Every structure is written in structure tokens, then in C-alpha cells.
Amino acid sequence: MTTILLADDHRIFRDGLRPLIASQPDLEVVAEADDGLEALDRALDLKPDVAVLDISMPGLNGIEVTRRLSRECPSVMVVILSMHSDRRFVLEALRAGARGYLLKDSGFPEFLRAVRAVREGRIHLGSAVSEQVVRDYLSLADAEEGSVFALLSAREREVLQLLAEGMSTKEIADRLNRSVKTVETHRKAVMDKLEIRNIAQLTKYAIREGLTSLD
């Protein structure tokens, strides 16, 4: 039996996918999460065989969750679900440790192929992902210099996402268990590196880079 963690901030999406998974005799959803931090906690606690992660989740996006799971619990295979077909997102997900990448408009048969492939230790990219993306990955192409993943550290990306989601410096400090001064330092570093001077522009940037969404 392959155990699955299903993480997506849209409950209606989880409610639709869960019974389809339950219809398969070799698959079982053992946990769900509606934000990135909960997904990380549930994955580390339960150690499912496969974590199916939405790329854009509140608190911590799917790529950062993947990165931490790869470091802290590499036995959990990750399949990323995304609205983004841009090669940047696919490559960063794979670099973070994801074994599968599907667009959300994929059919359930393709979802099954992805889950079973990563369970067997193989990489599965959805049919809508271009051949160029595959070639870039196999040749270990460098990340684009302008990518948020190249410009900012993991902690800076986390602070950027939380700022874009409307959290205050004090709220971020409490969430990350860091001092307000430390968060302010990260915030200044983010703004300096991105050459952005206000929260509205930070939010627009974070949405464009897929760290958060308008939902």
C-alpha cells in the first residue's frame, strides 16, 4: 500500500481528488494539509510514501516544503501540482528534490502514473511539460539569474512569502521563532537584493515568482 499526504489550500480540490485516490486498491490518503507548514509537519510526523504538494500554498510554498523534506526526510517522494508550466518552476521543483511535476489540469490517469512512478524511484513529468524542460534538467542547466531562487536565500524567500501574505514583522518573528530584529534584517536584505521599496511591489513580485497567490 502506498501512503499519500495530500496538501492543497483549496479544500474543494482535495475533496475531489481524495475519493479518486481511495478507489485505487494500492493507494491510501493518510493525511491532508491546507498550508505549507502543516504539510511539512504532517510529512515529517507520518512519513508517507508520497507527498502530493500544491506549489502555491500559504505559509510555505510547495518548493520550499520539498526542499526541507529532501533534507530532513528524503524517504518521502514528492509530486508537485501546479498551474505553472514555465520551465523555471519545473526546474526549481526538481532541484529542490521533487520527483514528479504535474499541471493541475492533468487527468487522473496521469496523476496515477506520476504517483506510482515516483514510488518506484523514477521521475515523472506531466505530458504538458515541454521536452526543453527535460533537456535542461538532464543537462543540469543553471537556474536563471533573475529567479527568486537564485537571488534570495531560503530564509529570505520565506520572509518574502509571509510579507506578501500580509503578515507584520512581529507576526513573522513569532511564526519563525526569530527576533523582530532578525526578521527586519532579512526584510531589508530582500528589498535590497530585489531593489524593491514597498510591500505592494513585494507582493506583486512574490505572486509573479509563484511564492504565493491572490487566493
Protein backbone atom coordinates (compact mmCIF):
# COMPACT_ATOMS: atom_id res chain seq x y z
CA MET A 1 0.00 0.00 0.00
CA THR A 2 1.34 3.43 -0.99
CA THR A 3 0.52 6.07 1.61
CA ILE A 4 -0.12 9.64 0.45
CA LEU A 5 -0.14 13.09 2.01
CA LEU A 6 -2.41 15.43 0.05
CA ALA A 7 -1.59 19.13 0.52
CA ASP A 8 -3.52 21.91 -1.21
CA ASP A 9 -5.05 25.08 0.18
CA HIS A 10 -8.26 24.55 -1.83
CA ARG A 11 -10.45 22.10 0.06
CA ILE A 12 -12.69 21.53 -2.94
CA PHE A 13 -9.67 20.26 -4.87
CA ARG A 14 -8.72 17.84 -2.07
CA ASP A 15 -12.33 16.72 -1.72
CA GLY A 16 -12.40 15.90 -5.42
CA LEU A 17 -9.09 14.06 -5.54
CA ARG A 18 -9.40 12.08 -2.29
CA PRO A 19 -12.22 9.69 -3.38
CA LEU A 20 -10.47 9.04 -6.69
CA ILE A 21 -7.34 8.01 -4.81
CA ALA A 22 -9.44 5.90 -2.40
CA SER A 23 -10.82 3.99 -5.39
CA GLN A 24 -7.35 2.55 -6.04
CA PRO A 25 -6.59 -0.61 -4.03
CA ASP A 26 -2.88 0.21 -3.75
CA LEU A 27 -3.21 3.85 -2.63
CA GLU A 28 -4.30 5.43 0.65
CA VAL A 29 -4.54 9.09 1.72
CA VAL A 30 -3.24 9.11 5.30
CA ALA A 31 -3.19 12.87 5.86
CA GLU A 32 -4.20 16.20 4.39
CA ALA A 33 -2.94 19.76 4.82
CA ASP A 34 -4.14 23.16 3.66
CA ASP A 35 -0.91 25.12 4.06
CA GLY A 36 2.80 24.52 3.60
CA LEU A 37 3.80 24.49 7.25
CA GLU A 38 1.12 21.95 8.13
CA ALA A 39 2.16 19.85 5.14
CA LEU A 40 5.76 19.83 6.32
CA ASP A 41 4.78 18.91 9.89
CA ARG A 42 2.45 16.11 8.79
CA ALA A 43 5.04 14.71 6.38
CA LEU A 44 7.80 14.70 8.99
CA ASP A 45 5.47 13.13 11.55
CA LEU A 46 3.80 10.46 9.39
CA LYS A 47 6.49 9.86 6.75
CA PRO A 48 4.10 8.97 3.92
CA ASP A 49 5.47 7.28 0.83
CA VAL A 50 4.39 10.18 -1.39
CA ALA A 51 3.62 13.82 -0.64
CA VAL A 52 1.43 15.49 -3.26
CA LEU A 53 2.02 19.23 -2.85
CA ASP A 54 0.40 22.26 -4.39
CA ILE A 55 3.17 24.63 -5.49
CA SER A 56 1.39 27.75 -4.14
CA MET A 57 0.37 27.30 -0.51
CA PRO A 58 0.09 29.81 2.36
CA GLY A 59 2.87 29.94 4.92
CA LEU A 60 5.38 27.93 2.92
CA ASN A 61 5.20 27.19 -0.78
CA GLY A 62 5.48 23.71 -2.21
CA ILE A 63 9.04 24.12 -3.47
CA GLU A 64 10.31 25.14 -0.03
CA VAL A 65 8.40 22.26 1.59
CA THR A 66 10.03 19.93 -0.93
CA ARG A 67 13.47 21.34 -0.20
CA ARG A 68 13.07 20.73 3.54
CA LEU A 69 11.65 17.25 3.08
CA SER A 70 14.56 16.32 0.83
CA ARG A 71 16.92 17.37 3.59
CA GLU A 72 15.03 16.13 6.65
CA CYS A 73 13.05 13.14 5.37
CA PRO A 74 14.35 12.02 1.95
CA SER A 75 12.27 8.83 2.02
CA VAL A 76 9.17 10.91 1.22
CA MET A 77 8.80 11.20 -2.55
CA VAL A 78 7.26 14.50 -3.71
CA VAL A 79 4.88 15.15 -6.58
CA ILE A 80 4.27 18.84 -7.25
CA LEU A 81 0.90 20.01 -8.57
CA SER A 82 0.98 23.39 -10.25
CA MET A 83 -0.77 25.86 -12.51
CA HIS A 84 2.68 26.91 -13.78
CA SER A 85 4.18 25.27 -16.87
CA ASP A 86 7.09 27.74 -17.01
CA ARG A 87 10.42 25.89 -17.06
CA ARG A 88 11.67 27.91 -14.06
CA PHE A 89 9.11 26.34 -11.76
CA VAL A 90 9.68 22.83 -13.07
CA LEU A 91 13.46 23.08 -12.78
CA GLU A 92 13.36 24.60 -9.29
CA ALA A 93 10.94 21.92 -8.11
CA LEU A 94 13.26 19.20 -9.43
CA ARG A 95 16.32 20.87 -7.95
CA ALA A 96 14.52 21.06 -4.61
CA GLY A 97 14.06 17.30 -4.74
CA ALA A 98 10.64 16.72 -6.31
CA ARG A 99 10.33 13.50 -8.28
CA GLY A 100 7.16 14.44 -10.12
CA TYR A 101 5.62 17.60 -11.59
CA LEU A 102 2.08 17.78 -12.91
CA LEU A 103 -0.12 20.60 -14.10
CA LYS A 104 -3.43 20.84 -12.29
CA ASP A 105 -5.37 20.30 -15.49
CA SER A 106 -3.84 16.83 -15.87
CA GLY A 107 -6.23 13.88 -15.88
CA PHE A 108 -6.43 11.37 -13.02
CA PRO A 109 -4.74 8.58 -15.06
CA GLU A 110 -1.67 10.79 -15.39
CA PHE A 111 -1.79 11.54 -11.67
CA LEU A 112 -1.75 7.78 -11.00
CA ARG A 113 1.21 7.29 -13.33
CA ALA A 114 3.11 10.04 -11.50
CA VAL A 115 2.45 8.67 -8.02
CA ARG A 116 3.37 5.12 -8.98
CA ALA A 117 6.46 6.26 -10.87
CA VAL A 118 7.91 8.28 -8.00
CA ARG A 119 7.06 5.46 -5.58
CA GLU A 120 9.33 3.28 -7.71
CA GLY A 121 12.10 5.86 -7.60
CA ARG A 122 11.55 7.28 -11.07
CA ILE A 123 10.99 10.89 -12.18
CA HIS A 124 7.67 11.69 -13.81
CA LEU A 125 6.90 14.95 -15.59
CA GLY A 126 3.41 15.59 -16.93
CA SER A 127 2.84 15.33 -20.64
CA ALA A 128 2.26 19.09 -20.85
CA VAL A 129 5.82 19.77 -19.69
CA SER A 130 7.98 20.58 -22.69
CA GLU A 131 10.87 18.48 -23.96
CA GLN A 132 13.09 21.52 -23.48
CA VAL A 133 12.48 21.41 -19.74
CA VAL A 134 13.56 17.79 -19.64
CA ARG A 135 16.71 18.56 -21.63
CA ASP A 136 17.53 21.47 -19.34
CA TYR A 137 17.15 19.30 -16.26
CA LEU A 138 19.18 16.39 -17.60
CA SER A 139 21.99 18.73 -18.61
CA LEU A 140 21.88 20.36 -15.16
CA ALA A 141 21.20 23.76 -16.65
CA ASP A 142 21.88 26.66 -14.31
CA ALA A 143 18.95 28.48 -12.76
CA GLU A 144 18.05 31.69 -14.47
CA GLU A 145 19.98 34.53 -12.87
CA GLY A 146 16.84 36.55 -12.28
CA SER A 147 15.00 33.77 -10.47
CA VAL A 148 13.90 34.38 -6.89
CA PHE A 149 15.56 31.06 -6.04
CA ALA A 150 18.91 32.33 -7.30
CA LEU A 151 18.65 35.81 -5.77
CA LEU A 152 17.39 35.03 -2.27
CA SER A 153 18.29 32.56 0.46
CA ALA A 154 15.71 30.05 1.72
CA ARG A 155 15.00 32.16 4.81
CA GLU A 156 14.70 35.33 2.73
CA ARG A 157 12.21 33.60 0.44
CA GLU A 158 10.19 32.53 3.45
CA VAL A 159 10.13 36.07 4.83
CA LEU A 160 9.18 37.42 1.40
CA GLN A 161 6.27 35.00 1.14
CA LEU A 162 4.95 35.86 4.61
CA LEU A 163 5.28 39.60 3.94
CA ALA A 164 3.39 39.17 0.69
CA GLU A 165 0.67 37.29 2.58
CA GLY A 166 0.13 40.35 4.76
CA MET A 167 1.94 39.38 7.94
CA SER A 168 3.66 42.05 10.04
CA THR A 169 7.30 41.86 11.07
CA LYS A 170 6.24 40.88 14.61
CA GLU A 171 3.92 38.16 13.29
CA ILE A 172 6.68 36.78 11.08
CA ALA A 173 9.11 36.79 14.01
CA ASP A 174 6.61 34.81 16.08
CA ARG A 175 5.93 32.38 13.22
CA LEU A 176 9.62 31.72 12.55
CA ASN A 177 10.65 31.84 16.22
CA ARG A 178 13.15 34.59 15.45
CA SER A 179 13.66 38.06 16.88
CA VAL A 180 11.99 41.07 15.29
CA LYS A 181 15.45 42.47 14.59
CA THR A 182 16.44 39.32 12.69
CA VAL A 183 13.29 39.48 10.57
CA GLU A 184 13.90 43.17 9.87
CA THR A 185 17.41 42.27 8.70
CA HIS A 186 16.00 39.63 6.33
CA ARG A 187 13.34 42.06 5.12
CA LYS A 188 15.97 44.71 4.35
CA ALA A 189 18.12 42.13 2.54
CA VAL A 190 15.14 41.05 0.41
CA MET A 191 14.30 44.62 -0.54
CA ASP A 192 17.93 45.48 -1.28
CA LYS A 193 18.50 42.41 -3.45
CA LEU A 194 15.26 42.88 -5.36
CA GLU A 195 15.57 46.67 -5.47
CA ILE A 196 12.01 46.96 -4.17
CA ARG A 197 10.93 49.53 -1.62
CA ASN A 198 7.32 48.77 -0.68
CA ILE A 199 5.08 45.85 0.26
CA ALA A 200 2.80 46.25 -2.76
CA GLN A 201 5.72 45.68 -5.12
CA LEU A 202 6.99 42.80 -2.96
CA THR A 203 3.57 41.18 -3.14
CA LYS A 204 3.40 41.58 -6.92
CA TYR A 205 6.90 40.08 -7.22
CA ALA A 206 6.06 37.13 -4.96
CA ILE A 207 2.94 36.34 -7.00
CA ARG A 208 4.84 36.56 -10.27
CA GLU A 209 7.53 34.21 -8.95
CA GLY A 210 4.97 31.70 -7.71
CA LEU A 211 5.77 32.06 -3.99
CA THR A 212 2.18 32.98 -3.21
CA SER A 213 -1.10 33.61 -4.99
CA LEU A 214 -4.02 36.02 -4.95
CA ASP A 215 -6.25 33.44 -3.19
